[in-house]
Full PDB file with SEQRES, HELIX, SHEET, SSBOND, CRYST1, ORIGX, SCALE, CONECT and MASTER records, all heavy atoms in Angstrom:
SEQRES   1 A   36  TRP SER ASP ILE MET CYS PRO TYR CYS TYR ILE GLY LYS          
SEQRES   2 A   36  ARG ARG ILE GLU GLY ALA LEU ALA GLU PHE ASN HIS LYS          
SEQRES   3 A   36  ASP GLN VAL GLU ILE GLU TRP LYS SER PHE                      
HELIX    1 AA1 PRO A    7  GLU A   22  1                                  16    
HELIX    2 AA2 LYS A   26  GLN A   28  5                                   3    
CRYST1    1.000    1.000    1.000  90.00  90.00  90.00 P 1           1          
ORIGX1      1.000000  0.000000  0.000000        0.00000                         
ORIGX2      0.000000  1.000000  0.000000        0.00000                         
ORIGX3      0.000000  0.000000  1.000000        0.00000                         
SCALE1      1.000000  0.000000  0.000000        0.00000                         
SCALE2      0.000000  1.000000  0.000000        0.00000                         
SCALE3      0.000000  0.000000  1.000000        0.00000                         
ATOM      1  N   TRP A   1      -2.144  -5.361   6.294  1.00  0.00           N  
ATOM      2  CA  TRP A   1      -3.433  -5.784   6.840  1.00  0.00           C  
ATOM      3  C   TRP A   1      -4.429  -4.656   6.608  1.00  0.00           C  
ATOM      4  O   TRP A   1      -4.157  -3.488   6.899  1.00  0.00           O  
ATOM      5  CB  TRP A   1      -3.328  -6.097   8.325  1.00  0.00           C  
ATOM      6  CG  TRP A   1      -2.917  -7.511   8.597  1.00  0.00           C  
ATOM      7  CD1 TRP A   1      -3.729  -8.580   8.846  1.00  0.00           C  
ATOM      8  CD2 TRP A   1      -1.572  -8.033   8.627  1.00  0.00           C  
ATOM      9  NE1 TRP A   1      -2.989  -9.725   9.024  1.00  0.00           N  
ATOM     10  CE2 TRP A   1      -1.662  -9.421   8.899  1.00  0.00           C  
ATOM     11  CE3 TRP A   1      -0.312  -7.467   8.450  1.00  0.00           C  
ATOM     12  CZ2 TRP A   1      -0.540 -10.231   9.004  1.00  0.00           C  
ATOM     13  CZ3 TRP A   1       0.812  -8.269   8.545  1.00  0.00           C  
ATOM     14  CH2 TRP A   1       0.698  -9.637   8.823  1.00  0.00           C  
ATOM     15  N   SER A   2      -5.603  -5.012   6.072  1.00  0.00           N  
ATOM     16  CA  SER A   2      -6.545  -3.999   5.624  1.00  0.00           C  
ATOM     17  C   SER A   2      -7.962  -4.557   5.630  1.00  0.00           C  
ATOM     18  O   SER A   2      -8.168  -5.770   5.531  1.00  0.00           O  
ATOM     19  CB  SER A   2      -6.161  -3.560   4.199  1.00  0.00           C  
ATOM     20  OG  SER A   2      -7.158  -2.789   3.601  1.00  0.00           O  
ATOM     21  N   ASP A   3      -8.934  -3.647   5.743  1.00  0.00           N  
ATOM     22  CA  ASP A   3     -10.338  -4.029   5.611  1.00  0.00           C  
ATOM     23  C   ASP A   3     -10.993  -3.103   4.596  1.00  0.00           C  
ATOM     24  O   ASP A   3     -10.771  -1.884   4.630  1.00  0.00           O  
ATOM     25  CB  ASP A   3     -11.067  -3.927   6.956  1.00  0.00           C  
ATOM     26  CG  ASP A   3     -12.471  -4.520   6.930  1.00  0.00           C  
ATOM     27  OD1 ASP A   3     -12.871  -5.095   5.891  1.00  0.00           O  
ATOM     28  OD2 ASP A   3     -13.174  -4.418   7.946  1.00  0.00           O  
ATOM     29  N   ILE A   4     -11.781  -3.647   3.696  1.00  0.00           N  
ATOM     30  CA  ILE A   4     -12.480  -2.847   2.697  1.00  0.00           C  
ATOM     31  C   ILE A   4     -13.349  -1.787   3.360  1.00  0.00           C  
ATOM     32  O   ILE A   4     -13.554  -0.696   2.823  1.00  0.00           O  
ATOM     33  CB  ILE A   4     -13.372  -3.753   1.807  1.00  0.00           C  
ATOM     34  CG1 ILE A   4     -12.528  -4.819   1.112  1.00  0.00           C  
ATOM     35  CG2 ILE A   4     -14.118  -2.924   0.759  1.00  0.00           C  
ATOM     36  CD1 ILE A   4     -11.398  -4.281   0.292  1.00  0.00           C  
ATOM     37  N   MET A   5     -13.855  -2.067   4.555  1.00  0.00           N  
ATOM     38  CA  MET A   5     -14.724  -1.145   5.266  1.00  0.00           C  
ATOM     39  C   MET A   5     -13.963   0.007   5.919  1.00  0.00           C  
ATOM     40  O   MET A   5     -14.572   0.877   6.540  1.00  0.00           O  
ATOM     41  CB  MET A   5     -15.512  -1.893   6.349  1.00  0.00           C  
ATOM     42  CG  MET A   5     -16.453  -2.964   5.827  1.00  0.00           C  
ATOM     43  SD  MET A   5     -17.823  -2.274   4.849  1.00  0.00           S  
ATOM     44  CE  MET A   5     -17.289  -2.717   3.185  1.00  0.00           C  
ATOM     45  N   CYS A   6     -12.659   0.021   5.803  1.00  0.00           N  
ATOM     46  CA  CYS A   6     -11.818   1.020   6.459  1.00  0.00           C  
ATOM     47  C   CYS A   6     -11.396   2.101   5.466  1.00  0.00           C  
ATOM     48  O   CYS A   6     -10.547   1.854   4.601  1.00  0.00           O  
ATOM     49  CB  CYS A   6     -10.590   0.343   7.066  1.00  0.00           C  
ATOM     50  SG  CYS A   6      -9.287   1.483   7.571  1.00  0.00           S  
ATOM     51  N   PRO A   7     -11.951   3.315   5.577  1.00  0.00           N  
ATOM     52  CA  PRO A   7     -11.579   4.390   4.642  1.00  0.00           C  
ATOM     53  C   PRO A   7     -10.092   4.712   4.670  1.00  0.00           C  
ATOM     54  O   PRO A   7      -9.492   4.990   3.630  1.00  0.00           O  
ATOM     55  CB  PRO A   7     -12.411   5.581   5.140  1.00  0.00           C  
ATOM     56  CG  PRO A   7     -13.561   4.963   5.881  1.00  0.00           C  
ATOM     57  CD  PRO A   7     -13.002   3.735   6.525  1.00  0.00           C  
ATOM     58  N   TYR A   8      -9.487   4.682   5.861  1.00  0.00           N  
ATOM     59  CA  TYR A   8      -8.064   5.010   5.944  1.00  0.00           C  
ATOM     60  C   TYR A   8      -7.191   3.944   5.275  1.00  0.00           C  
ATOM     61  O   TYR A   8      -6.046   4.214   4.929  1.00  0.00           O  
ATOM     62  CB  TYR A   8      -7.647   5.207   7.393  1.00  0.00           C  
ATOM     63  CG  TYR A   8      -8.026   6.569   7.927  1.00  0.00           C  
ATOM     64  CD1 TYR A   8      -8.795   6.709   9.071  1.00  0.00           C  
ATOM     65  CD2 TYR A   8      -7.616   7.731   7.270  1.00  0.00           C  
ATOM     66  CE1 TYR A   8      -9.143   7.960   9.553  1.00  0.00           C  
ATOM     67  CE2 TYR A   8      -7.966   8.982   7.742  1.00  0.00           C  
ATOM     68  CZ  TYR A   8      -8.734   9.098   8.883  1.00  0.00           C  
ATOM     69  OH  TYR A   8      -9.084  10.338   9.349  1.00  0.00           O  
ATOM     70  N   CYS A   9      -7.723   2.745   5.101  1.00  0.00           N  
ATOM     71  CA  CYS A   9      -6.964   1.716   4.388  1.00  0.00           C  
ATOM     72  C   CYS A   9      -6.811   2.083   2.910  1.00  0.00           C  
ATOM     73  O   CYS A   9      -5.763   1.819   2.304  1.00  0.00           O  
ATOM     74  CB  CYS A   9      -7.640   0.349   4.537  1.00  0.00           C  
ATOM     75  SG  CYS A   9      -7.550  -0.336   6.210  1.00  0.00           S  
ATOM     76  N   TYR A  10      -7.849   2.682   2.329  1.00  0.00           N  
ATOM     77  CA  TYR A  10      -7.767   3.136   0.938  1.00  0.00           C  
ATOM     78  C   TYR A  10      -6.780   4.296   0.830  1.00  0.00           C  
ATOM     79  O   TYR A  10      -5.943   4.358  -0.085  1.00  0.00           O  
ATOM     80  CB  TYR A  10      -9.151   3.556   0.454  1.00  0.00           C  
ATOM     81  CG  TYR A  10      -9.330   3.624  -1.049  1.00  0.00           C  
ATOM     82  CD1 TYR A  10      -8.333   3.196  -1.931  1.00  0.00           C  
ATOM     83  CD2 TYR A  10     -10.512   4.119  -1.588  1.00  0.00           C  
ATOM     84  CE1 TYR A  10      -8.521   3.254  -3.305  1.00  0.00           C  
ATOM     85  CE2 TYR A  10     -10.708   4.186  -2.959  1.00  0.00           C  
ATOM     86  CZ  TYR A  10      -9.706   3.757  -3.823  1.00  0.00           C  
ATOM     87  OH  TYR A  10      -9.901   3.822  -5.183  1.00  0.00           O  
ATOM     88  N   ILE A  11      -6.854   5.225   1.797  1.00  0.00           N  
ATOM     89  CA  ILE A  11      -5.908   6.336   1.818  1.00  0.00           C  
ATOM     90  C   ILE A  11      -4.486   5.808   2.000  1.00  0.00           C  
ATOM     91  O   ILE A  11      -3.545   6.261   1.341  1.00  0.00           O  
ATOM     92  CB  ILE A  11      -6.278   7.325   2.945  1.00  0.00           C  
ATOM     93  CG1 ILE A  11      -7.641   7.970   2.650  1.00  0.00           C  
ATOM     94  CG2 ILE A  11      -5.203   8.396   3.091  1.00  0.00           C  
ATOM     95  CD1 ILE A  11      -8.194   8.811   3.780  1.00  0.00           C  
ATOM     96  N   GLY A  12      -4.332   4.826   2.898  1.00  0.00           N  
ATOM     97  CA  GLY A  12      -3.018   4.232   3.121  1.00  0.00           C  
ATOM     98  C   GLY A  12      -2.471   3.568   1.870  1.00  0.00           C  
ATOM     99  O   GLY A  12      -1.262   3.609   1.605  1.00  0.00           O  
ATOM    100  N   LYS A  13      -3.355   2.952   1.092  1.00  0.00           N  
ATOM    101  CA  LYS A  13      -2.945   2.325  -0.161  1.00  0.00           C  
ATOM    102  C   LYS A  13      -2.363   3.377  -1.110  1.00  0.00           C  
ATOM    103  O   LYS A  13      -1.306   3.161  -1.727  1.00  0.00           O  
ATOM    104  CB  LYS A  13      -4.131   1.623  -0.819  1.00  0.00           C  
ATOM    105  CG  LYS A  13      -3.798   0.878  -2.113  1.00  0.00           C  
ATOM    106  CD  LYS A  13      -5.028   0.139  -2.647  1.00  0.00           C  
ATOM    107  CE  LYS A  13      -4.688  -0.713  -3.864  1.00  0.00           C  
ATOM    108  NZ  LYS A  13      -4.289   0.080  -5.037  1.00  0.00           N  
ATOM    109  N   ARG A  14      -3.035   4.522  -1.221  1.00  0.00           N  
ATOM    110  CA  ARG A  14      -2.540   5.582  -2.084  1.00  0.00           C  
ATOM    111  C   ARG A  14      -1.198   6.125  -1.592  1.00  0.00           C  
ATOM    112  O   ARG A  14      -0.302   6.436  -2.386  1.00  0.00           O  
ATOM    113  CB  ARG A  14      -3.551   6.715  -2.159  1.00  0.00           C  
ATOM    114  CG  ARG A  14      -4.623   6.530  -3.179  1.00  0.00           C  
ATOM    115  CD  ARG A  14      -4.066   6.512  -4.606  1.00  0.00           C  
ATOM    116  NE  ARG A  14      -5.135   6.294  -5.557  1.00  0.00           N  
ATOM    117  CZ  ARG A  14      -5.603   5.104  -5.903  1.00  0.00           C  
ATOM    118  NH1 ARG A  14      -5.062   4.000  -5.386  1.00  0.00           N  
ATOM    119  NH2 ARG A  14      -6.583   4.988  -6.761  1.00  0.00           N  
ATOM    120  N   ARG A  15      -1.057   6.241  -0.283  1.00  0.00           N  
ATOM    121  CA  ARG A  15       0.172   6.825   0.257  1.00  0.00           C  
ATOM    122  C   ARG A  15       1.361   5.882   0.105  1.00  0.00           C  
ATOM    123  O   ARG A  15       2.468   6.330  -0.204  1.00  0.00           O  
ATOM    124  CB  ARG A  15      -0.041   7.222   1.721  1.00  0.00           C  
ATOM    125  CG  ARG A  15      -0.953   8.441   1.861  1.00  0.00           C  
ATOM    126  CD  ARG A  15      -1.171   8.825   3.296  1.00  0.00           C  
ATOM    127  NE  ARG A  15      -2.010  10.020   3.399  1.00  0.00           N  
ATOM    128  CZ  ARG A  15      -2.495  10.492   4.545  1.00  0.00           C  
ATOM    129  NH1 ARG A  15      -2.228   9.881   5.690  1.00  0.00           N  
ATOM    130  NH2 ARG A  15      -3.239  11.581   4.559  1.00  0.00           N  
ATOM    131  N   ILE A  16       1.161   4.574   0.296  1.00  0.00           N  
ATOM    132  CA  ILE A  16       2.288   3.653   0.098  1.00  0.00           C  
ATOM    133  C   ILE A  16       2.638   3.595  -1.386  1.00  0.00           C  
ATOM    134  O   ILE A  16       3.810   3.469  -1.749  1.00  0.00           O  
ATOM    135  CB  ILE A  16       1.984   2.244   0.667  1.00  0.00           C  
ATOM    136  CG1 ILE A  16       3.260   1.386   0.690  1.00  0.00           C  
ATOM    137  CG2 ILE A  16       0.888   1.539  -0.114  1.00  0.00           C  
ATOM    138  CD1 ILE A  16       4.312   1.850   1.642  1.00  0.00           C  
ATOM    139  N   GLU A  17       1.629   3.723  -2.247  1.00  0.00           N  
ATOM    140  CA  GLU A  17       1.901   3.774  -3.687  1.00  0.00           C  
ATOM    141  C   GLU A  17       2.694   5.032  -4.042  1.00  0.00           C  
ATOM    142  O   GLU A  17       3.605   4.988  -4.876  1.00  0.00           O  
ATOM    143  CB  GLU A  17       0.588   3.736  -4.469  1.00  0.00           C  
ATOM    144  CG  GLU A  17      -0.102   2.377  -4.426  1.00  0.00           C  
ATOM    145  CD  GLU A  17      -1.514   2.398  -4.968  1.00  0.00           C  
ATOM    146  OE1 GLU A  17      -2.087   3.505  -5.142  1.00  0.00           O  
ATOM    147  OE2 GLU A  17      -2.078   1.314  -5.206  1.00  0.00           O  
ATOM    148  N   GLY A  18       2.351   6.152  -3.387  1.00  0.00           N  
ATOM    149  CA  GLY A  18       3.096   7.381  -3.612  1.00  0.00           C  
ATOM    150  C   GLY A  18       4.535   7.253  -3.160  1.00  0.00           C  
ATOM    151  O   GLY A  18       5.460   7.753  -3.817  1.00  0.00           O  
ATOM    152  N   ALA A  19       4.737   6.561  -2.033  1.00  0.00           N  
ATOM    153  CA  ALA A  19       6.093   6.339  -1.519  1.00  0.00           C  
ATOM    154  C   ALA A  19       6.889   5.454  -2.471  1.00  0.00           C  
ATOM    155  O   ALA A  19       8.063   5.718  -2.748  1.00  0.00           O  
ATOM    156  CB  ALA A  19       6.031   5.714  -0.129  1.00  0.00           C  
ATOM    157  N   LEU A  20       6.260   4.413  -2.974  1.00  0.00           N  
ATOM    158  CA  LEU A  20       6.947   3.509  -3.894  1.00  0.00           C  
ATOM    159  C   LEU A  20       7.347   4.223  -5.181  1.00  0.00           C  
ATOM    160  O   LEU A  20       8.380   3.912  -5.781  1.00  0.00           O  
ATOM    161  CB  LEU A  20       6.060   2.301  -4.206  1.00  0.00           C  
ATOM    162  CG  LEU A  20       5.910   1.286  -3.070  1.00  0.00           C  
ATOM    163  CD1 LEU A  20       4.828   0.267  -3.397  1.00  0.00           C  
ATOM    164  CD2 LEU A  20       7.237   0.578  -2.808  1.00  0.00           C  
ATOM    165  N   ALA A  21       6.539   5.195  -5.605  1.00  0.00           N  
ATOM    166  CA  ALA A  21       6.862   5.952  -6.810  1.00  0.00           C  
ATOM    167  C   ALA A  21       8.155   6.750  -6.635  1.00  0.00           C  
ATOM    168  O   ALA A  21       8.844   7.054  -7.617  1.00  0.00           O  
ATOM    169  CB  ALA A  21       5.715   6.887  -7.169  1.00  0.00           C  
ATOM    170  N   GLU A  22       8.493   7.060  -5.375  1.00  0.00           N  
ATOM    171  CA  GLU A  22       9.710   7.823  -5.082  1.00  0.00           C  
ATOM    172  C   GLU A  22      10.889   6.923  -4.683  1.00  0.00           C  
ATOM    173  O   GLU A  22      11.998   7.421  -4.481  1.00  0.00           O  
ATOM    174  CB  GLU A  22       9.445   8.820  -3.950  1.00  0.00           C  
ATOM    175  CG  GLU A  22       8.381   9.861  -4.267  1.00  0.00           C  
ATOM    176  CD  GLU A  22       8.164  10.830  -3.128  1.00  0.00           C  
ATOM    177  OE1 GLU A  22       9.049  10.917  -2.245  1.00  0.00           O  
ATOM    178  OE2 GLU A  22       7.109  11.487  -3.102  1.00  0.00           O  
ATOM    179  N   PHE A  23      10.627   5.630  -4.568  1.00  0.00           N  
ATOM    180  CA  PHE A  23      11.642   4.699  -4.067  1.00  0.00           C  
ATOM    181  C   PHE A  23      12.452   4.128  -5.227  1.00  0.00           C  
ATOM    182  O   PHE A  23      11.889   3.592  -6.192  1.00  0.00           O  
ATOM    183  CB  PHE A  23      10.942   3.576  -3.287  1.00  0.00           C  
ATOM    184  CG  PHE A  23      11.853   2.611  -2.617  1.00  0.00           C  
ATOM    185  CD1 PHE A  23      12.862   3.033  -1.765  1.00  0.00           C  
ATOM    186  CD2 PHE A  23      11.701   1.244  -2.818  1.00  0.00           C  
ATOM    187  CE1 PHE A  23      13.704   2.133  -1.133  1.00  0.00           C  
ATOM    188  CE2 PHE A  23      12.523   0.330  -2.189  1.00  0.00           C  
ATOM    189  CZ  PHE A  23      13.533   0.777  -1.348  1.00  0.00           C  
ATOM    190  N   ASN A  24      13.752   4.239  -5.142  1.00  0.00           N  
ATOM    191  CA  ASN A  24      14.615   3.829  -6.258  1.00  0.00           C  
ATOM    192  C   ASN A  24      14.538   2.335  -6.579  1.00  0.00           C  
ATOM    193  O   ASN A  24      14.871   1.921  -7.689  1.00  0.00           O  
ATOM    194  CB  ASN A  24      16.072   4.208  -5.955  1.00  0.00           C  
ATOM    195  CG  ASN A  24      16.299   5.704  -5.989  1.00  0.00           C  
ATOM    196  OD1 ASN A  24      15.588   6.430  -6.678  1.00  0.00           O  
ATOM    197  ND2 ASN A  24      17.278   6.177  -5.230  1.00  0.00           N  
ATOM    198  N   HIS A  25      14.125   1.522  -5.602  1.00  0.00           N  
ATOM    199  CA  HIS A  25      14.089   0.067  -5.801  1.00  0.00           C  
ATOM    200  C   HIS A  25      12.653  -0.459  -5.874  1.00  0.00           C  
ATOM    201  O   HIS A  25      12.388  -1.599  -5.496  1.00  0.00           O  
ATOM    202  CB  HIS A  25      14.862  -0.622  -4.678  1.00  0.00           C  
ATOM    203  CG  HIS A  25      16.242  -0.085  -4.469  1.00  0.00           C  
ATOM    204  ND1 HIS A  25      17.290  -0.395  -5.304  1.00  0.00           N  
ATOM    205  CD2 HIS A  25      16.732   0.777  -3.540  1.00  0.00           C  
ATOM    206  CE1 HIS A  25      18.383   0.233  -4.885  1.00  0.00           C  
ATOM    207  NE2 HIS A  25      18.075   0.948  -3.820  1.00  0.00           N  
ATOM    208  N   LYS A  26      11.738   0.373  -6.358  1.00  0.00           N  
ATOM    209  CA  LYS A  26      10.325  -0.007  -6.362  1.00  0.00           C  
ATOM    210  C   LYS A  26      10.054  -1.282  -7.150  1.00  0.00           C  
ATOM    211  O   LYS A  26       9.108  -2.018  -6.846  1.00  0.00           O  
ATOM    212  CB  LYS A  26       9.464   1.131  -6.912  1.00  0.00           C  
ATOM    213  CG  LYS A  26       9.767   1.573  -8.319  1.00  0.00           C  
ATOM    214  CD  LYS A  26       8.836   2.707  -8.741  1.00  0.00           C  
ATOM    215  CE  LYS A  26       9.164   3.224 -10.133  1.00  0.00           C  
ATOM    216  NZ  LYS A  26      10.484   3.908 -10.168  1.00  0.00           N  
ATOM    217  N   ASP A  27      10.884  -1.571  -8.148  1.00  0.00           N  
ATOM    218  CA  ASP A  27      10.683  -2.780  -8.944  1.00  0.00           C  
ATOM    219  C   ASP A  27      11.068  -4.050  -8.185  1.00  0.00           C  
ATOM    220  O   ASP A  27      10.832  -5.159  -8.664  1.00  0.00           O  
ATOM    221  CB  ASP A  27      11.486  -2.703 -10.244  1.00  0.00           C  
ATOM    222  CG  ASP A  27      10.968  -1.620 -11.178  1.00  0.00           C  
ATOM    223  OD1 ASP A  27       9.770  -1.285 -11.073  1.00  0.00           O  
ATOM    224  OD2 ASP A  27      11.750  -1.116 -12.001  1.00  0.00           O  
ATOM    225  N   GLN A  28      11.691  -3.861  -7.023  1.00  0.00           N  
ATOM    226  CA  GLN A  28      12.084  -5.006  -6.204  1.00  0.00           C  
ATOM    227  C   GLN A  28      11.277  -5.077  -4.912  1.00  0.00           C  
ATOM    228  O   GLN A  28      11.710  -5.630  -3.915  1.00  0.00           O  
ATOM    229  CB  GLN A  28      13.588  -4.932  -5.906  1.00  0.00           C  
ATOM    230  CG  GLN A  28      14.453  -5.169  -7.146  1.00  0.00           C  
ATOM    231  CD  GLN A  28      15.910  -4.862  -6.897  1.00  0.00           C  
ATOM    232  OE1 GLN A  28      16.377  -3.746  -7.104  1.00  0.00           O  
ATOM    233  NE2 GLN A  28      16.645  -5.860  -6.438  1.00  0.00           N  
ATOM    234  N   VAL A  29      10.079  -4.509  -4.960  1.00  0.00           N  
ATOM    235  CA  VAL A  29       9.161  -4.543  -3.817  1.00  0.00           C  
ATOM    236  C   VAL A  29       7.964  -5.425  -4.145  1.00  0.00           C  
ATOM    237  O   VAL A  29       7.373  -5.313  -5.215  1.00  0.00           O  
ATOM    238  CB  VAL A  29       8.676  -3.128  -3.446  1.00  0.00           C  
ATOM    239  CG1 VAL A  29       7.623  -3.195  -2.340  1.00  0.00           C  
ATOM    240  CG2 VAL A  29       9.847  -2.257  -3.002  1.00  0.00           C  
ATOM    241  N   GLU A  30       7.648  -6.298  -3.220  1.00  0.00           N  
ATOM    242  CA  GLU A  30       6.475  -7.176  -3.362  1.00  0.00           C  
ATOM    243  C   GLU A  30       5.476  -6.822  -2.265  1.00  0.00           C  
ATOM    244  O   GLU A  30       5.836  -6.724  -1.093  1.00  0.00           O  
ATOM    245  CB  GLU A  30       6.887  -8.644  -3.223  1.00  0.00           C  
ATOM    246  CG  GLU A  30       5.712  -9.619  -3.211  1.00  0.00           C  
ATOM    247  CD  GLU A  30       6.130 -11.026  -2.838  1.00  0.00           C  
ATOM    248  OE1 GLU A  30       7.350 -11.294  -2.775  1.00  0.00           O  
ATOM    249  OE2 GLU A  30       5.232 -11.854  -2.578  1.00  0.00           O  
ATOM    250  N   ILE A  31       4.223  -6.620  -2.653  1.00  0.00           N  
ATOM    251  CA  ILE A  31       3.168  -6.313  -1.679  1.00  0.00           C  
ATOM    252  C   ILE A  31       2.233  -7.503  -1.539  1.00  0.00           C  
ATOM    253  O   ILE A  31       1.768  -8.065  -2.529  1.00  0.00           O  
ATOM    254  CB  ILE A  31       2.370  -5.066  -2.104  1.00  0.00           C  
ATOM    255  CG1 ILE A  31       3.245  -3.815  -2.003  1.00  0.00           C  
ATOM    256  CG2 ILE A  31       1.126  -4.900  -1.230  1.00  0.00           C  
ATOM    257  CD1 ILE A  31       2.555  -2.541  -2.409  1.00  0.00           C  
ATOM    258  N   GLU A  32       1.977  -7.872  -0.294  1.00  0.00           N  
ATOM    259  CA  GLU A  32       1.015  -8.931  -0.001  1.00  0.00           C  
ATOM    260  C   GLU A  32      -0.095  -8.358   0.882  1.00  0.00           C  
ATOM    261  O   GLU A  32       0.157  -7.864   1.976  1.00  0.00           O  
ATOM    262  CB  GLU A  32       1.677 -10.106   0.726  1.00  0.00           C  
ATOM    263  CG  GLU A  32       0.691 -11.220   1.061  1.00  0.00           C  
ATOM    264  CD  GLU A  32       1.300 -12.334   1.895  1.00  0.00           C  
ATOM    265  OE1 GLU A  32       2.438 -12.157   2.380  1.00  0.00           O  
ATOM    266  OE2 GLU A  32       0.638 -13.368   2.076  1.00  0.00           O  
ATOM    267  N   TRP A  33      -1.315  -8.427   0.384  1.00  0.00           N  
ATOM    268  CA  TRP A  33      -2.454  -7.928   1.143  1.00  0.00           C  
ATOM    269  C   TRP A  33      -2.960  -9.007   2.103  1.00  0.00           C  
ATOM    270  O   TRP A  33      -3.089 -10.169   1.730  1.00  0.00           O  
ATOM    271  CB  TRP A  33      -3.576  -7.495   0.206  1.00  0.00           C  
ATOM    272  CG  TRP A  33      -3.245  -6.239  -0.539  1.00  0.00           C  
ATOM    273  CD1 TRP A  33      -2.661  -6.138  -1.768  1.00  0.00           C  
ATOM    274  CD2 TRP A  33      -3.447  -4.903  -0.084  1.00  0.00           C  
ATOM    275  NE1 TRP A  33      -2.490  -4.829  -2.112  1.00  0.00           N  
ATOM    276  CE2 TRP A  33      -2.962  -4.040  -1.097  1.00  0.00           C  
ATOM    277  CE3 TRP A  33      -3.988  -4.348   1.071  1.00  0.00           C  
ATOM    278  CZ2 TRP A  33      -3.007  -2.652  -0.987  1.00  0.00           C  
ATOM    279  CZ3 TRP A  33      -4.042  -2.963   1.192  1.00  0.00           C  
ATOM    280  CH2 TRP A  33      -3.552  -2.135   0.176  1.00  0.00           C  
ATOM    281  N   LYS A  34      -3.253  -8.586   3.331  1.00  0.00           N  
ATOM    282  CA  LYS A  34      -3.734  -9.484   4.370  1.00  0.00           C  
ATOM    283  C   LYS A  34      -5.124  -9.043   4.823  1.00  0.00           C  
ATOM    284  O   LYS A  34      -5.416  -7.850   4.940  1.00  0.00           O  
ATOM    285  CB  LYS A  34      -2.789  -9.470   5.572  1.00  0.00           C  
ATOM    286  CG  LYS A  34      -1.397 -10.047   5.294  1.00  0.00           C  
ATOM    287  CD  LYS A  34      -1.448 -11.559   5.244  1.00  0.00           C  
ATOM    288  CE  LYS A  34      -0.062 -12.175   5.264  1.00  0.00           C  
ATOM    289  NZ  LYS A  34      -0.134 -13.657   5.226  1.00  0.00           N  
ATOM    290  N   SER A  35      -5.969 -10.015   5.125  1.00  0.00           N  
ATOM    291  CA  SER A  35      -7.341  -9.721   5.535  1.00  0.00           C  
ATOM    292  C   SER A  35      -7.429  -9.282   6.990  1.00  0.00           C  
ATOM    293  O   SER A  35      -6.691  -9.768   7.853  1.00  0.00           O  
ATOM    294  CB  SER A  35      -8.223 -10.958   5.343  1.00  0.00           C  
ATOM    295  OG  SER A  35      -8.279 -11.330   3.990  1.00  0.00           O  
ATOM    296  N   PHE A  36      -8.355  -8.359   7.241  1.00  0.00           N  
ATOM    297  CA  PHE A  36      -8.674  -7.904   8.594  1.00  0.00           C  
ATOM    298  C   PHE A  36     -10.125  -7.452   8.567  1.00  0.00           C  
ATOM    299  O   PHE A  36     -10.591  -6.907   7.569  1.00  0.00           O  
ATOM    300  CB  PHE A  36      -7.761  -6.736   8.990  1.00  0.00           C  
ATOM    301  CG  PHE A  36      -7.838  -6.365  10.449  1.00  0.00           C  
ATOM    302  CD1 PHE A  36      -6.978  -6.949  11.363  1.00  0.00           C  
ATOM    303  CD2 PHE A  36      -8.769  -5.442  10.903  1.00  0.00           C  
ATOM    304  CE1 PHE A  36      -7.033  -6.615  12.710  1.00  0.00           C  
ATOM    305  CE2 PHE A  36      -8.838  -5.091  12.241  1.00  0.00           C  
ATOM    306  CZ  PHE A  36      -7.968  -5.681  13.151  1.00  0.00           C  
TER     307      PHE A  36                                                      
MASTER        0    0    0    2    0    0    0    6  306    1    0    3          
END                                                                             
């Protein structure tokens, strides 16, 4: 859940992407964005 007006949502996007880069099963992860 995210809002374009939320700066920390953009930071959070980068951090979850960084985590996925370190995750051995990243190719088996599906992300669904939800409006807020």
